[in-house]
N, C-alpha and C. Protein backbone atom coordinates (compact mmCIF):
# COMPACT_ATOMS: atom_id res chain seq x y z
N UNK A 1 101.41 124.14 121.69
CA UNK A 1 101.61 123.12 120.67
C UNK A 1 100.46 122.12 120.67
N UNK A 2 99.25 122.61 120.92
CA UNK A 2 98.11 121.72 121.10
C UNK A 2 97.79 120.93 119.84
N UNK A 3 98.05 121.50 118.66
CA UNK A 3 97.73 120.80 117.41
C UNK A 3 98.95 120.14 116.78
N UNK A 4 100.04 120.08 117.50
CA UNK A 4 101.27 119.47 117.00
C UNK A 4 101.44 118.10 117.63
N UNK A 5 101.71 117.10 116.81
CA UNK A 5 102.00 115.76 117.31
C UNK A 5 103.42 115.75 117.85
N UNK A 6 103.55 115.81 119.16
CA UNK A 6 104.87 115.93 119.77
C UNK A 6 105.69 114.64 119.69
N UNK A 7 105.04 113.54 119.34
CA UNK A 7 105.80 112.30 119.16
C UNK A 7 106.68 112.37 117.91
N UNK A 8 106.26 113.18 116.96
CA UNK A 8 107.00 113.31 115.70
C UNK A 8 107.68 114.67 115.57
N UNK A 9 107.65 115.47 116.62
CA UNK A 9 108.23 116.81 116.58
C UNK A 9 109.16 116.99 117.77
N UNK A 10 110.42 117.32 117.49
CA UNK A 10 111.43 117.41 118.55
C UNK A 10 112.12 118.76 118.49
N UNK A 11 112.09 119.49 119.60
CA UNK A 11 112.87 120.71 119.71
C UNK A 11 114.21 120.34 120.35
N UNK A 12 115.29 120.61 119.66
CA UNK A 12 116.63 120.23 120.12
C UNK A 12 117.17 121.33 121.02
N UNK A 13 117.14 121.07 122.32
CA UNK A 13 117.45 122.13 123.29
C UNK A 13 118.90 122.10 123.78
N UNK A 14 119.77 121.42 123.04
CA UNK A 14 121.18 121.40 123.44
C UNK A 14 121.69 122.84 123.54
N UNK A 15 122.45 123.17 124.58
CA UNK A 15 122.92 124.55 124.76
C UNK A 15 123.68 125.11 123.56
N UNK A 16 124.50 124.29 122.91
CA UNK A 16 125.25 124.79 121.75
C UNK A 16 124.32 125.14 120.60
N UNK A 17 123.27 124.36 120.41
CA UNK A 17 122.29 124.65 119.35
C UNK A 17 121.58 125.95 119.65
N UNK A 18 121.12 126.11 120.88
CA UNK A 18 120.39 127.32 121.25
C UNK A 18 121.27 128.56 121.16
N UNK A 19 122.52 128.44 121.57
CA UNK A 19 123.45 129.56 121.50
C UNK A 19 123.67 130.02 120.06
N UNK A 20 123.90 129.07 119.17
CA UNK A 20 124.18 129.41 117.78
C UNK A 20 122.96 130.01 117.09
N UNK A 21 121.77 129.53 117.43
CA UNK A 21 120.56 130.12 116.86
C UNK A 21 120.42 131.58 117.31
N UNK A 22 120.75 131.87 118.55
CA UNK A 22 120.68 133.25 119.04
C UNK A 22 121.62 134.16 118.26
N UNK A 23 122.80 133.66 117.94
CA UNK A 23 123.74 134.46 117.15
C UNK A 23 123.21 134.68 115.73
N UNK A 24 122.55 133.67 115.18
CA UNK A 24 121.99 133.81 113.83
C UNK A 24 120.84 134.82 113.79
N UNK A 25 120.10 134.93 114.86
CA UNK A 25 118.99 135.89 114.90
C UNK A 25 119.48 137.34 114.85
N UNK A 26 120.64 137.59 115.38
CA UNK A 26 121.17 138.96 115.48
C UNK A 26 121.37 139.55 114.09
N UNK A 27 120.74 140.68 113.82
CA UNK A 27 120.82 141.27 112.48
C UNK A 27 122.21 141.79 112.15
N UNK A 28 123.08 141.94 113.17
CA UNK A 28 124.44 142.41 112.91
C UNK A 28 125.39 141.26 112.54
N UNK A 29 124.92 140.01 112.60
CA UNK A 29 125.76 138.88 112.21
C UNK A 29 125.94 138.90 110.69
N UNK A 30 127.17 138.98 110.24
CA UNK A 30 127.45 139.11 108.80
C UNK A 30 127.33 137.74 108.12
N UNK A 31 127.30 137.76 106.78
CA UNK A 31 127.06 136.54 106.01
C UNK A 31 128.09 135.45 106.30
N UNK A 32 129.37 135.82 106.40
CA UNK A 32 130.41 134.82 106.68
C UNK A 32 130.10 134.09 107.98
N UNK A 33 129.78 134.84 109.03
CA UNK A 33 129.49 134.22 110.33
C UNK A 33 128.18 133.43 110.27
N UNK A 34 127.19 133.95 109.54
CA UNK A 34 125.91 133.26 109.42
C UNK A 34 126.11 131.91 108.73
N UNK A 35 126.93 131.86 107.67
CA UNK A 35 127.21 130.60 106.98
C UNK A 35 127.91 129.62 107.91
N UNK A 36 128.88 130.11 108.66
CA UNK A 36 129.61 129.22 109.57
C UNK A 36 128.68 128.65 110.65
N UNK A 37 127.83 129.50 111.19
CA UNK A 37 126.88 129.05 112.21
C UNK A 37 125.90 128.03 111.64
N UNK A 38 125.46 128.26 110.40
CA UNK A 38 124.54 127.34 109.75
C UNK A 38 125.16 125.95 109.62
N UNK A 39 126.41 125.90 109.17
CA UNK A 39 127.10 124.61 109.02
C UNK A 39 127.29 123.92 110.36
N UNK A 40 127.68 124.69 111.38
CA UNK A 40 127.88 124.12 112.71
C UNK A 40 126.56 123.57 113.27
N UNK A 41 125.49 124.33 113.08
CA UNK A 41 124.18 123.88 113.54
C UNK A 41 123.75 122.62 112.84
N UNK A 42 123.98 122.55 111.55
CA UNK A 42 123.57 121.38 110.78
C UNK A 42 124.27 120.13 111.29
N UNK A 43 125.55 120.24 111.63
CA UNK A 43 126.27 119.10 112.18
C UNK A 43 125.63 118.65 113.50
N UNK A 44 125.39 119.60 114.39
CA UNK A 44 124.83 119.26 115.70
C UNK A 44 123.42 118.68 115.57
N UNK A 45 122.61 119.26 114.69
CA UNK A 45 121.24 118.80 114.55
C UNK A 45 121.17 117.44 113.86
N UNK A 46 122.06 117.21 112.90
CA UNK A 46 122.11 115.89 112.25
C UNK A 46 122.55 114.83 113.25
N UNK A 47 123.49 115.18 114.11
CA UNK A 47 123.92 114.28 115.18
C UNK A 47 122.73 113.85 116.03
N UNK A 48 121.89 114.82 116.42
CA UNK A 48 120.73 114.51 117.25
C UNK A 48 119.70 113.70 116.48
N UNK A 49 119.52 113.99 115.20
CA UNK A 49 118.49 113.33 114.40
C UNK A 49 118.86 111.89 114.04
N UNK A 50 120.12 111.54 114.19
CA UNK A 50 120.56 110.18 113.83
C UNK A 50 120.84 109.31 115.05
N UNK A 51 120.32 109.70 116.19
CA UNK A 51 120.53 108.91 117.41
C UNK A 51 119.95 107.50 117.32
N UNK A 52 118.94 107.32 116.48
CA UNK A 52 118.26 106.02 116.42
C UNK A 52 118.79 105.12 115.31
N UNK A 53 119.92 105.48 114.68
CA UNK A 53 120.46 104.62 113.65
C UNK A 53 120.83 103.26 114.24
N UNK A 54 120.51 102.17 113.55
CA UNK A 54 120.80 100.83 114.09
C UNK A 54 122.29 100.51 114.08
N UNK A 55 122.70 99.70 115.02
CA UNK A 55 124.08 99.25 115.13
C UNK A 55 124.16 97.73 115.07
N UNK A 56 125.32 97.24 114.68
CA UNK A 56 125.58 95.81 114.77
C UNK A 56 126.94 95.60 115.43
N UNK A 57 127.11 94.45 116.05
CA UNK A 57 128.35 94.16 116.75
C UNK A 57 129.33 93.48 115.81
N UNK A 58 130.58 93.94 115.86
CA UNK A 58 131.66 93.34 115.07
C UNK A 58 132.86 93.12 115.97
N UNK A 59 133.83 92.38 115.46
CA UNK A 59 135.09 92.20 116.18
C UNK A 59 136.18 93.01 115.48
N UNK A 60 136.94 93.74 116.27
CA UNK A 60 138.00 94.59 115.74
C UNK A 60 139.30 94.25 116.45
N UNK A 61 140.36 94.07 115.67
CA UNK A 61 141.67 93.79 116.25
C UNK A 61 142.35 95.11 116.59
N UNK A 62 142.46 95.43 117.87
CA UNK A 62 143.19 96.62 118.30
C UNK A 62 144.68 96.28 118.41
N UNK A 63 145.56 97.25 118.64
CA UNK A 63 146.97 96.93 118.85
C UNK A 63 147.21 96.04 120.07
N UNK A 64 146.21 95.92 120.95
CA UNK A 64 146.39 95.16 122.19
C UNK A 64 145.70 93.80 122.15
N UNK A 65 144.44 93.80 121.67
CA UNK A 65 143.66 92.55 121.73
C UNK A 65 142.46 92.65 120.80
N UNK A 66 141.72 91.54 120.70
CA UNK A 66 140.49 91.52 119.92
C UNK A 66 139.38 92.17 120.74
N UNK A 67 138.65 93.09 120.12
CA UNK A 67 137.61 93.83 120.84
C UNK A 67 136.27 93.67 120.14
N UNK A 68 135.22 93.60 120.94
CA UNK A 68 133.87 93.66 120.40
C UNK A 68 133.49 95.14 120.28
N UNK A 69 133.04 95.53 119.11
CA UNK A 69 132.72 96.94 118.86
C UNK A 69 131.41 97.03 118.09
N UNK A 70 130.90 98.25 117.93
CA UNK A 70 129.64 98.45 117.23
C UNK A 70 129.85 99.41 116.04
N UNK A 71 129.22 99.06 114.94
CA UNK A 71 129.26 99.90 113.74
C UNK A 71 127.84 100.08 113.22
N UNK A 72 127.65 101.08 112.39
CA UNK A 72 126.34 101.31 111.81
C UNK A 72 125.93 100.14 110.91
N UNK A 73 124.66 99.81 110.96
CA UNK A 73 124.13 98.77 110.09
C UNK A 73 122.84 99.26 109.46
N UNK A 74 122.30 98.48 108.55
CA UNK A 74 121.03 98.85 107.95
C UNK A 74 121.21 99.71 106.72
N UNK A 75 120.19 100.47 106.37
CA UNK A 75 120.17 101.21 105.12
C UNK A 75 121.12 102.41 105.16
N UNK A 76 121.55 102.81 103.99
CA UNK A 76 122.42 103.97 103.85
C UNK A 76 121.60 105.25 103.92
N UNK A 77 122.29 106.38 104.04
CA UNK A 77 121.63 107.68 104.20
C UNK A 77 121.76 108.53 102.94
N UNK A 78 120.80 109.42 102.78
CA UNK A 78 120.87 110.46 101.75
C UNK A 78 120.52 111.79 102.41
N UNK A 79 121.23 112.83 102.02
CA UNK A 79 120.99 114.19 102.52
C UNK A 79 120.42 115.01 101.37
N UNK A 80 119.31 115.71 101.64
CA UNK A 80 118.67 116.49 100.58
C UNK A 80 118.36 117.89 101.11
N UNK A 81 119.22 118.88 100.80
CA UNK A 81 118.90 120.26 101.16
C UNK A 81 117.87 120.85 100.20
N UNK A 82 117.00 121.70 100.72
CA UNK A 82 116.05 122.43 99.88
C UNK A 82 116.73 123.74 99.48
N UNK A 83 116.88 123.94 98.18
CA UNK A 83 117.54 125.16 97.69
C UNK A 83 116.64 126.36 97.91
N UNK A 84 117.23 127.55 98.27
CA UNK A 84 118.67 127.66 98.30
C UNK A 84 119.21 127.67 99.72
N UNK A 85 118.38 128.07 100.69
CA UNK A 85 118.88 128.24 102.06
C UNK A 85 119.38 126.93 102.66
N UNK A 86 118.70 125.83 102.33
CA UNK A 86 119.11 124.54 102.88
C UNK A 86 120.51 124.13 102.46
N UNK A 87 120.99 124.71 101.36
CA UNK A 87 122.33 124.37 100.88
C UNK A 87 123.39 124.73 101.91
N UNK A 88 123.12 125.75 102.70
CA UNK A 88 124.09 126.15 103.73
C UNK A 88 124.25 125.12 104.83
N UNK A 89 123.30 124.18 104.94
CA UNK A 89 123.36 123.16 105.98
C UNK A 89 124.13 121.92 105.53
N UNK A 90 124.36 121.81 104.22
CA UNK A 90 124.93 120.57 103.69
C UNK A 90 126.33 120.28 104.20
N UNK A 91 127.18 121.29 104.25
CA UNK A 91 128.58 121.08 104.66
C UNK A 91 128.67 120.44 106.04
N UNK A 92 127.88 120.96 106.99
CA UNK A 92 127.93 120.42 108.34
C UNK A 92 127.42 118.99 108.41
N UNK A 93 126.34 118.71 107.69
CA UNK A 93 125.77 117.36 107.71
C UNK A 93 126.70 116.35 107.06
N UNK A 94 127.31 116.74 105.94
CA UNK A 94 128.23 115.83 105.23
C UNK A 94 129.48 115.57 106.06
N UNK A 95 129.93 116.55 106.82
CA UNK A 95 131.12 116.33 107.66
C UNK A 95 130.87 115.27 108.71
N UNK A 96 129.60 115.10 109.11
CA UNK A 96 129.25 114.06 110.08
C UNK A 96 129.00 112.73 109.39
N UNK A 97 128.43 112.76 108.18
CA UNK A 97 128.08 111.53 107.46
C UNK A 97 128.70 111.61 106.06
N UNK A 98 130.01 111.46 105.95
CA UNK A 98 130.68 111.65 104.66
C UNK A 98 130.29 110.63 103.60
N UNK A 99 129.77 109.48 104.00
CA UNK A 99 129.40 108.45 103.03
C UNK A 99 128.00 108.66 102.46
N UNK A 100 127.26 109.63 102.97
CA UNK A 100 125.90 109.87 102.49
C UNK A 100 125.91 110.37 101.06
N UNK A 101 124.91 109.94 100.28
CA UNK A 101 124.71 110.53 98.96
C UNK A 101 123.89 111.81 99.13
N UNK A 102 124.00 112.70 98.15
CA UNK A 102 123.38 114.02 98.27
C UNK A 102 122.45 114.27 97.08
N UNK A 103 121.24 114.73 97.40
CA UNK A 103 120.31 115.19 96.38
C UNK A 103 120.03 116.67 96.58
N UNK A 104 119.41 117.29 95.59
CA UNK A 104 119.05 118.70 95.70
C UNK A 104 117.64 118.90 95.16
N UNK A 105 116.85 119.67 95.88
CA UNK A 105 115.51 120.02 95.42
C UNK A 105 115.36 121.54 95.48
N UNK A 106 114.97 122.11 94.35
CA UNK A 106 114.74 123.55 94.28
C UNK A 106 113.25 123.86 94.29
N UNK A 107 112.80 124.46 95.38
CA UNK A 107 111.40 124.86 95.51
C UNK A 107 111.39 126.24 96.15
N UNK A 108 110.61 127.15 95.61
CA UNK A 108 110.52 128.48 96.22
C UNK A 108 109.06 128.92 96.25
N UNK A 109 108.80 129.91 97.09
CA UNK A 109 107.45 130.44 97.18
C UNK A 109 107.12 131.28 95.96
N UNK A 110 105.86 131.25 95.55
CA UNK A 110 105.41 132.11 94.47
C UNK A 110 105.40 133.56 94.95
N UNK A 111 105.16 134.49 94.04
CA UNK A 111 105.25 135.91 94.38
C UNK A 111 104.29 136.30 95.49
N UNK A 112 103.12 135.66 95.51
CA UNK A 112 102.16 135.98 96.58
C UNK A 112 102.43 135.20 97.85
N UNK A 113 103.49 134.36 97.81
CA UNK A 113 103.97 133.58 98.95
C UNK A 113 102.98 132.51 99.43
N UNK A 114 101.92 132.27 98.67
CA UNK A 114 100.91 131.29 99.09
C UNK A 114 101.06 129.95 98.39
N UNK A 115 101.77 129.94 97.26
CA UNK A 115 101.98 128.71 96.52
C UNK A 115 103.47 128.42 96.41
N UNK A 116 103.83 127.39 95.62
CA UNK A 116 105.24 127.03 95.44
C UNK A 116 105.56 126.91 93.96
N UNK A 117 106.80 127.22 93.65
CA UNK A 117 107.33 127.05 92.30
C UNK A 117 108.43 126.02 92.37
N UNK A 118 108.26 124.93 91.64
CA UNK A 118 109.21 123.82 91.64
C UNK A 118 110.14 123.99 90.44
N UNK A 119 111.44 124.19 90.68
CA UNK A 119 112.33 124.48 89.56
C UNK A 119 113.51 123.54 89.41
N UNK A 120 113.75 122.61 90.36
CA UNK A 120 114.89 121.69 90.22
C UNK A 120 114.71 120.49 91.13
N UNK A 121 115.10 119.32 90.62
CA UNK A 121 115.09 118.11 91.45
C UNK A 121 116.10 117.12 90.89
N UNK A 122 117.10 116.80 91.68
CA UNK A 122 118.09 115.79 91.31
C UNK A 122 118.37 114.94 92.55
N UNK A 123 117.94 113.68 92.51
CA UNK A 123 118.06 112.79 93.66
C UNK A 123 118.95 111.60 93.31
N UNK A 124 119.59 110.99 94.32
CA UNK A 124 120.36 109.77 94.05
C UNK A 124 119.47 108.71 93.40
N UNK A 125 120.03 107.94 92.47
CA UNK A 125 119.22 106.96 91.75
C UNK A 125 118.68 105.87 92.68
N UNK A 126 119.37 105.65 93.80
CA UNK A 126 118.91 104.62 94.74
C UNK A 126 118.23 105.23 95.96
N UNK A 127 117.60 106.38 95.78
CA UNK A 127 116.96 107.08 96.91
C UNK A 127 115.95 106.20 97.63
N UNK A 128 115.29 105.29 96.91
CA UNK A 128 114.27 104.43 97.52
C UNK A 128 114.87 103.46 98.53
N UNK A 129 116.17 103.20 98.42
CA UNK A 129 116.84 102.27 99.34
C UNK A 129 117.58 103.00 100.46
N UNK A 130 117.34 104.29 100.60
CA UNK A 130 118.07 105.07 101.59
C UNK A 130 117.12 105.76 102.57
N UNK A 131 117.62 105.97 103.79
CA UNK A 131 116.93 106.83 104.74
C UNK A 131 117.32 108.27 104.40
N UNK A 132 116.32 109.12 104.26
CA UNK A 132 116.56 110.47 103.73
C UNK A 132 116.40 111.51 104.84
N UNK A 133 117.35 112.43 104.88
CA UNK A 133 117.27 113.59 105.77
C UNK A 133 117.15 114.83 104.90
N UNK A 134 116.01 115.51 104.99
CA UNK A 134 115.77 116.75 104.27
C UNK A 134 116.12 117.91 105.18
N UNK A 135 116.74 118.95 104.61
CA UNK A 135 117.23 120.06 105.44
C UNK A 135 116.79 121.40 104.88
N UNK A 136 116.39 122.29 105.77
CA UNK A 136 116.11 123.67 105.39
C UNK A 136 116.27 124.55 106.62
N UNK A 137 116.48 125.85 106.38
CA UNK A 137 116.70 126.77 107.49
C UNK A 137 115.41 127.11 108.23
N UNK A 138 114.29 127.22 107.48
CA UNK A 138 113.05 127.68 108.10
C UNK A 138 111.87 126.87 107.61
N UNK A 139 110.88 126.72 108.48
CA UNK A 139 109.60 126.11 108.13
C UNK A 139 108.54 127.17 108.44
N UNK A 140 108.11 127.87 107.39
CA UNK A 140 107.14 128.98 107.55
C UNK A 140 105.74 128.46 107.27
N UNK A 141 105.26 128.62 106.04
CA UNK A 141 103.95 128.05 105.69
C UNK A 141 104.01 126.54 105.59
N UNK A 142 105.21 126.01 105.33
CA UNK A 142 105.39 124.57 105.17
C UNK A 142 105.25 124.11 103.73
N UNK A 143 104.81 124.98 102.84
CA UNK A 143 104.51 124.55 101.47
C UNK A 143 105.72 124.01 100.71
N UNK A 144 106.86 124.68 100.86
CA UNK A 144 108.06 124.24 100.14
C UNK A 144 108.55 122.89 100.67
N UNK A 145 108.58 122.73 101.97
CA UNK A 145 109.03 121.46 102.55
C UNK A 145 108.09 120.33 102.18
N UNK A 146 106.79 120.60 102.20
CA UNK A 146 105.81 119.58 101.83
C UNK A 146 106.03 119.12 100.40
N UNK A 147 106.25 120.08 99.48
CA UNK A 147 106.46 119.73 98.07
C UNK A 147 107.76 118.95 97.89
N UNK A 148 108.80 119.35 98.61
CA UNK A 148 110.08 118.64 98.51
C UNK A 148 109.92 117.19 98.96
N UNK A 149 109.24 116.97 100.06
CA UNK A 149 109.06 115.61 100.57
C UNK A 149 108.11 114.82 99.66
N UNK A 150 107.14 115.50 99.05
CA UNK A 150 106.31 114.82 98.04
C UNK A 150 107.19 114.20 96.96
N UNK A 151 108.16 114.97 96.48
CA UNK A 151 109.03 114.50 95.41
C UNK A 151 109.89 113.32 95.86
N UNK A 152 110.36 113.39 97.09
CA UNK A 152 111.19 112.29 97.60
C UNK A 152 110.37 111.01 97.73
N UNK A 153 109.16 111.12 98.21
CA UNK A 153 108.29 109.95 98.33
C UNK A 153 107.89 109.42 96.96
N UNK A 154 107.65 110.32 96.01
CA UNK A 154 107.32 109.88 94.65
C UNK A 154 108.48 109.11 94.03
N UNK A 155 109.71 109.41 94.47
CA UNK A 155 110.89 108.69 93.98
C UNK A 155 111.07 107.34 94.67
N UNK A 156 110.20 107.04 95.64
CA UNK A 156 110.21 105.71 96.25
C UNK A 156 110.68 105.62 97.69
N UNK A 157 111.14 106.74 98.27
CA UNK A 157 111.63 106.67 99.65
C UNK A 157 110.47 106.57 100.63
N UNK A 158 110.62 105.69 101.61
CA UNK A 158 109.60 105.52 102.64
C UNK A 158 110.10 105.93 104.01
N UNK A 159 111.32 106.46 104.08
CA UNK A 159 111.92 106.84 105.36
C UNK A 159 112.51 108.24 105.23
N UNK A 160 111.79 109.24 105.78
CA UNK A 160 112.21 110.63 105.64
C UNK A 160 112.17 111.32 107.00
N UNK A 161 113.24 112.07 107.29
CA UNK A 161 113.27 112.97 108.44
C UNK A 161 113.50 114.39 107.92
N UNK A 162 113.07 115.36 108.70
CA UNK A 162 113.21 116.76 108.30
C UNK A 162 113.90 117.53 109.41
N UNK A 163 115.02 118.18 109.07
CA UNK A 163 115.76 119.01 110.01
C UNK A 163 115.58 120.47 109.61
N UNK A 164 115.15 121.30 110.55
CA UNK A 164 114.94 122.72 110.27
C UNK A 164 115.40 123.54 111.47
N UNK A 165 116.08 124.64 111.21
CA UNK A 165 116.62 125.45 112.30
C UNK A 165 115.50 126.15 113.06
N UNK A 166 114.62 126.85 112.34
CA UNK A 166 113.53 127.58 112.99
C UNK A 166 112.21 127.22 112.30
N UNK A 167 111.19 126.97 113.09
CA UNK A 167 109.85 126.66 112.57
C UNK A 167 108.82 127.52 113.30
N UNK A 168 107.60 127.49 112.79
CA UNK A 168 106.48 128.13 113.47
C UNK A 168 105.32 127.12 113.51
N UNK A 169 104.37 127.31 114.42
CA UNK A 169 103.29 126.33 114.56
C UNK A 169 102.53 126.07 113.26
N UNK A 170 102.27 127.13 112.47
CA UNK A 170 101.52 126.95 111.22
C UNK A 170 102.24 125.99 110.28
N UNK A 171 103.56 126.13 110.16
CA UNK A 171 104.33 125.28 109.27
C UNK A 171 104.38 123.84 109.75
N UNK A 172 104.57 123.67 111.07
CA UNK A 172 104.64 122.32 111.63
C UNK A 172 103.31 121.61 111.44
N UNK A 173 102.21 122.31 111.71
CA UNK A 173 100.89 121.70 111.56
C UNK A 173 100.61 121.32 110.11
N UNK A 174 100.99 122.19 109.17
CA UNK A 174 100.80 121.89 107.76
C UNK A 174 101.62 120.67 107.34
N UNK A 175 102.86 120.62 107.80
CA UNK A 175 103.72 119.49 107.48
C UNK A 175 103.15 118.18 108.03
N UNK A 176 102.71 118.22 109.27
CA UNK A 176 102.19 117.00 109.89
C UNK A 176 100.88 116.55 109.26
N UNK A 177 100.11 117.49 108.76
CA UNK A 177 98.87 117.14 108.07
C UNK A 177 99.18 116.42 106.76
N UNK A 178 100.19 116.91 106.03
CA UNK A 178 100.55 116.31 104.74
C UNK A 178 101.43 115.08 104.87
N UNK A 179 102.33 115.10 105.86
CA UNK A 179 103.29 114.00 106.02
C UNK A 179 103.38 113.61 107.49
N UNK A 180 102.35 112.98 108.03
CA UNK A 180 102.34 112.64 109.46
C UNK A 180 103.42 111.65 109.88
N UNK A 181 104.01 110.95 108.92
CA UNK A 181 105.04 109.96 109.23
C UNK A 181 106.43 110.57 109.37
N UNK A 182 106.61 111.82 108.95
CA UNK A 182 107.94 112.44 108.92
C UNK A 182 108.27 113.06 110.27
N UNK A 183 109.38 112.64 110.85
CA UNK A 183 109.84 113.25 112.10
C UNK A 183 110.49 114.59 111.80
N UNK A 184 110.16 115.59 112.60
CA UNK A 184 110.72 116.92 112.44
C UNK A 184 111.65 117.22 113.60
N UNK A 185 112.87 117.63 113.28
CA UNK A 185 113.85 118.01 114.29
C UNK A 185 114.12 119.50 114.12
N UNK A 186 113.81 120.27 115.17
CA UNK A 186 113.74 121.72 115.07
C UNK A 186 114.62 122.36 116.15
N UNK A 187 115.27 123.47 115.79
CA UNK A 187 116.08 124.18 116.77
C UNK A 187 115.27 125.12 117.63
N UNK A 188 114.23 125.74 117.05
CA UNK A 188 113.39 126.67 117.80
C UNK A 188 112.01 126.74 117.16
N UNK A 189 110.99 126.81 117.99
CA UNK A 189 109.62 127.00 117.52
C UNK A 189 109.23 128.43 117.85
N UNK A 190 109.10 129.27 116.80
CA UNK A 190 108.81 130.68 116.99
C UNK A 190 107.31 130.95 117.11
N UNK A 191 106.97 132.23 117.25
CA UNK A 191 105.58 132.60 117.57
C UNK A 191 104.59 132.29 116.46
N UNK A 192 104.96 132.59 115.22
CA UNK A 192 104.02 132.39 114.12
C UNK A 192 104.44 133.17 112.90
N UNK A 193 103.47 133.43 112.00
CA UNK A 193 103.73 134.14 110.75
C UNK A 193 103.16 135.55 110.81
N UNK A 194 103.87 136.48 110.16
CA UNK A 194 103.31 137.83 110.05
C UNK A 194 102.46 137.93 108.78
N UNK A 195 101.99 139.13 108.45
CA UNK A 195 101.09 139.29 107.31
C UNK A 195 101.78 139.01 105.98
N UNK A 196 103.13 139.05 105.97
CA UNK A 196 103.89 138.73 104.77
C UNK A 196 104.32 137.26 104.73
N UNK A 197 103.82 136.48 105.70
CA UNK A 197 104.08 135.04 105.79
C UNK A 197 105.55 134.73 106.08
N UNK A 198 106.20 135.62 106.85
CA UNK A 198 107.54 135.36 107.36
C UNK A 198 107.45 134.96 108.83
N UNK A 199 108.36 134.09 109.26
CA UNK A 199 108.38 133.64 110.65
C UNK A 199 108.79 134.77 111.57
N UNK A 200 108.07 134.93 112.68
CA UNK A 200 108.35 135.96 113.68
C UNK A 200 108.69 135.30 115.01
N UNK A 201 109.82 135.67 115.66
CA UNK A 201 110.77 136.70 115.24
C UNK A 201 111.76 136.24 114.16
N UNK A 202 111.99 134.92 114.04
CA UNK A 202 112.82 134.39 112.97
C UNK A 202 114.22 134.97 112.92
N UNK A 203 114.81 134.94 111.71
CA UNK A 203 116.09 135.63 111.50
C UNK A 203 116.17 136.21 110.09
N UNK A 204 114.99 136.56 109.54
CA UNK A 204 114.97 137.14 108.20
C UNK A 204 115.01 136.07 107.13
N UNK A 205 115.34 136.47 105.92
CA UNK A 205 115.43 135.54 104.79
C UNK A 205 116.75 134.78 104.89
N UNK A 206 116.66 133.48 105.16
CA UNK A 206 117.87 132.68 105.38
C UNK A 206 118.79 132.65 104.18
N UNK A 207 118.22 132.53 102.98
CA UNK A 207 119.06 132.50 101.79
C UNK A 207 119.82 133.80 101.60
N UNK A 208 119.14 134.93 101.79
CA UNK A 208 119.82 136.21 101.66
C UNK A 208 120.92 136.36 102.69
N UNK A 209 120.68 135.89 103.89
CA UNK A 209 121.68 136.07 104.94
C UNK A 209 122.86 135.13 104.75
N UNK A 210 122.65 133.94 104.20
CA UNK A 210 123.76 133.04 103.93
C UNK A 210 124.62 133.57 102.80
N UNK A 211 123.98 134.01 101.72
CA UNK A 211 124.71 134.34 100.50
C UNK A 211 124.96 135.84 100.32
N UNK A 212 124.48 136.66 101.27
CA UNK A 212 124.74 138.09 101.21
C UNK A 212 124.07 138.80 100.06
N UNK A 213 122.86 138.31 99.69
CA UNK A 213 122.19 138.87 98.52
C UNK A 213 121.23 140.00 98.88
N UNK A 214 121.19 140.39 100.14
CA UNK A 214 120.37 141.55 100.53
C UNK A 214 120.97 142.20 101.75
């Protein structure tokens, strides 16, 4: 990871995260199980990525006595999955942060897999006042994630984190070159890209495996 800024890149090594990623890699894991694992992973990874949320002290009346307690303070959150594979992560993240607003960005690779095709963007109207968590299953070339975060920043957001299940060095380096301020939370850093620009060993096409389209 010599060219990766490790201050902004975190591999989440929690045993439950690593176990679930291993199950997702298995080609015999069917779509139903893959979807369930994706949602479970998203919850765990969002939990880890929100460790630095600010707190404030309040007083709460319990059935016994008055207690000093802590609640979240500061800006609200927005969750933005990158379509289509990132959509599988939304359920788990929302279950942890039910008050978050949700946006959607549709970006896919061009036929030669070297460029991106932008086909959908719908963000909360107050996105500029929210801390944004962008989600996707894989970070391969990085082009789709970079374009998605471009759109979020163009909408006014200055606070963006990126959660991805599997990444490769090429994608991380490209992301950090384009968006050095964005923290990346990753489940596994794989070897690299093959000649077809797929992550190796990876787990195949995440969208196809979630939705059973191949």
